[in-house]
Protein backbone atom coordinates (compact mmCIF):
# COMPACT_ATOMS: atom_id res chain seq x y z
CA UNK A 1 119.87 125.67 108.01
CA UNK A 2 116.72 124.12 106.58
CA UNK A 3 116.14 120.35 107.39
CA UNK A 4 112.92 118.81 104.94
CA UNK A 5 111.83 115.57 106.10
CA UNK A 6 108.74 114.00 108.29
CA UNK A 7 109.10 114.24 111.79
CA UNK A 8 108.19 110.35 112.60
CA UNK A 9 111.57 109.96 110.52
CA UNK A 10 114.34 108.45 112.24
CA UNK A 11 116.85 109.17 110.03
CA UNK A 12 115.86 112.97 110.10
CA UNK A 13 115.18 112.94 113.51
CA UNK A 14 119.25 111.53 114.30
CA UNK A 15 120.18 114.42 111.75
CA UNK A 16 118.36 117.24 113.74
CA UNK A 17 119.81 116.23 116.97
CA UNK A 18 123.13 116.10 115.97
CA UNK A 19 123.20 119.47 114.10
CA UNK A 20 122.01 121.17 116.91
CA UNK A 21 124.41 119.14 119.02
CA UNK A 22 127.13 120.76 117.02
CA UNK A 23 125.46 124.04 117.99
CA UNK A 24 124.25 125.07 114.28
CA UNK A 25 121.30 126.96 113.72
CA UNK A 26 118.31 124.60 111.78
CA UNK A 27 114.39 124.78 111.12
CA UNK A 28 113.06 121.79 110.56
CA UNK A 29 110.44 122.00 107.75
CA UNK A 30 107.45 118.90 108.11
CA UNK A 31 106.67 118.20 104.45
CA UNK A 32 103.27 116.42 105.55
CA UNK A 33 102.59 119.04 107.54
CA UNK A 34 103.90 122.38 105.03
CA UNK A 35 103.82 120.69 101.60
CA UNK A 36 106.98 121.46 99.29
CA UNK A 37 105.73 125.03 97.23
CA UNK A 38 106.01 124.09 93.67
CA UNK A 39 109.57 126.45 92.89
CA UNK A 40 111.31 124.59 96.53
CA UNK A 41 110.27 121.10 94.55
CA UNK A 42 111.63 122.13 91.62
CA UNK A 43 114.95 122.66 92.79
CA UNK A 44 115.21 119.89 94.76
CA UNK A 45 114.39 117.58 91.48
CA UNK A 46 117.20 119.96 89.36
CA UNK A 47 119.56 118.89 91.96
CA UNK A 48 118.88 115.81 92.77
CA UNK A 49 116.31 114.29 89.93
CA UNK A 50 115.16 110.88 90.29
CA UNK A 51 116.68 110.40 93.36
CA UNK A 52 114.63 112.21 95.27
CA UNK A 53 112.38 109.80 95.19
CA UNK A 54 112.53 107.02 97.60
CA UNK A 55 111.93 103.73 95.79
CA UNK A 56 112.54 101.73 99.18
CA UNK A 57 109.59 103.64 101.22
CA UNK A 58 106.12 101.19 101.82
CA UNK A 59 104.29 104.43 100.49
CA UNK A 60 106.47 103.44 96.76
CA UNK A 61 105.13 100.40 97.51
CA UNK A 62 101.64 100.63 97.44
CA UNK A 63 101.61 102.79 94.17
CA UNK A 64 99.98 100.94 91.23
CA UNK A 65 102.00 100.90 88.06
CA UNK A 66 100.33 103.52 86.94
CA UNK A 67 100.90 106.02 89.81
CA UNK A 68 104.18 105.06 89.44
CA UNK A 69 104.63 106.34 86.21
CA UNK A 70 103.75 109.76 86.91
CA UNK A 71 106.53 112.51 86.97
CA UNK A 72 108.53 112.52 89.68
CA UNK A 73 107.05 116.25 90.70
CA UNK A 74 103.59 115.06 90.34
CA UNK A 75 104.12 112.19 92.52
CA UNK A 76 105.79 114.13 95.29
CA UNK A 77 103.04 116.77 95.48
CA UNK A 78 100.78 113.79 95.60
CA UNK A 79 102.74 111.48 97.84
CA UNK A 80 104.73 114.24 100.00
CA UNK A 81 106.40 111.22 101.86
CA UNK A 82 108.21 109.90 98.75
CA UNK A 83 110.85 112.12 99.48
CA UNK A 84 113.89 110.65 100.47
CA UNK A 85 115.07 112.10 103.50
CA UNK A 86 116.22 114.71 104.99
CA UNK A 87 117.19 116.88 102.11
CA UNK A 88 118.93 119.90 103.86
CA UNK A 89 119.12 123.49 102.75
CA UNK A 90 122.42 125.50 103.63
CA UNK A 91 124.20 128.49 102.12
CA UNK A 92 122.35 127.66 99.01
CA UNK A 93 123.64 124.28 98.92
CA UNK A 94 121.52 121.20 98.45
CA UNK A 95 122.04 117.68 100.35
CA UNK A 96 119.78 114.63 100.55
CA UNK A 97 120.55 112.11 103.04
CA UNK A 98 122.66 111.90 106.13
CA UNK A 99 125.16 109.39 105.62
CA UNK A 100 128.81 109.91 106.10
CA UNK A 101 129.48 112.18 103.33
CA UNK A 102 126.86 114.72 103.95
CA UNK A 103 127.75 114.97 107.85
CA UNK A 104 131.17 115.84 107.00
CA UNK A 105 130.21 118.66 104.30
CA UNK A 106 127.91 119.96 107.13
CA UNK A 107 129.58 119.11 110.07
CA UNK A 108 133.33 119.12 109.00
């Protein structure tokens, strides 16, 4: 299992802690330190589309209208912290966020 996020994100920390406490093996990928490669970004965008962009983030609010008009791929490449977090990958499946539906799917 891989959890993509940023290390100072409270939701990512909660998810990581809960997954580890359940005895599952998880690898944390900080997208700020290890930007997503184009193939991974394309897979995420195919799975989630524009939902992958966190339009409530401070990064989004700081962008100009011109910058916001870029493609999601260009936006996330230039500003990795715009990614809604966490993205969890396990057994070929992708999950976005850490709401109860994702927790149920991953932890039973």
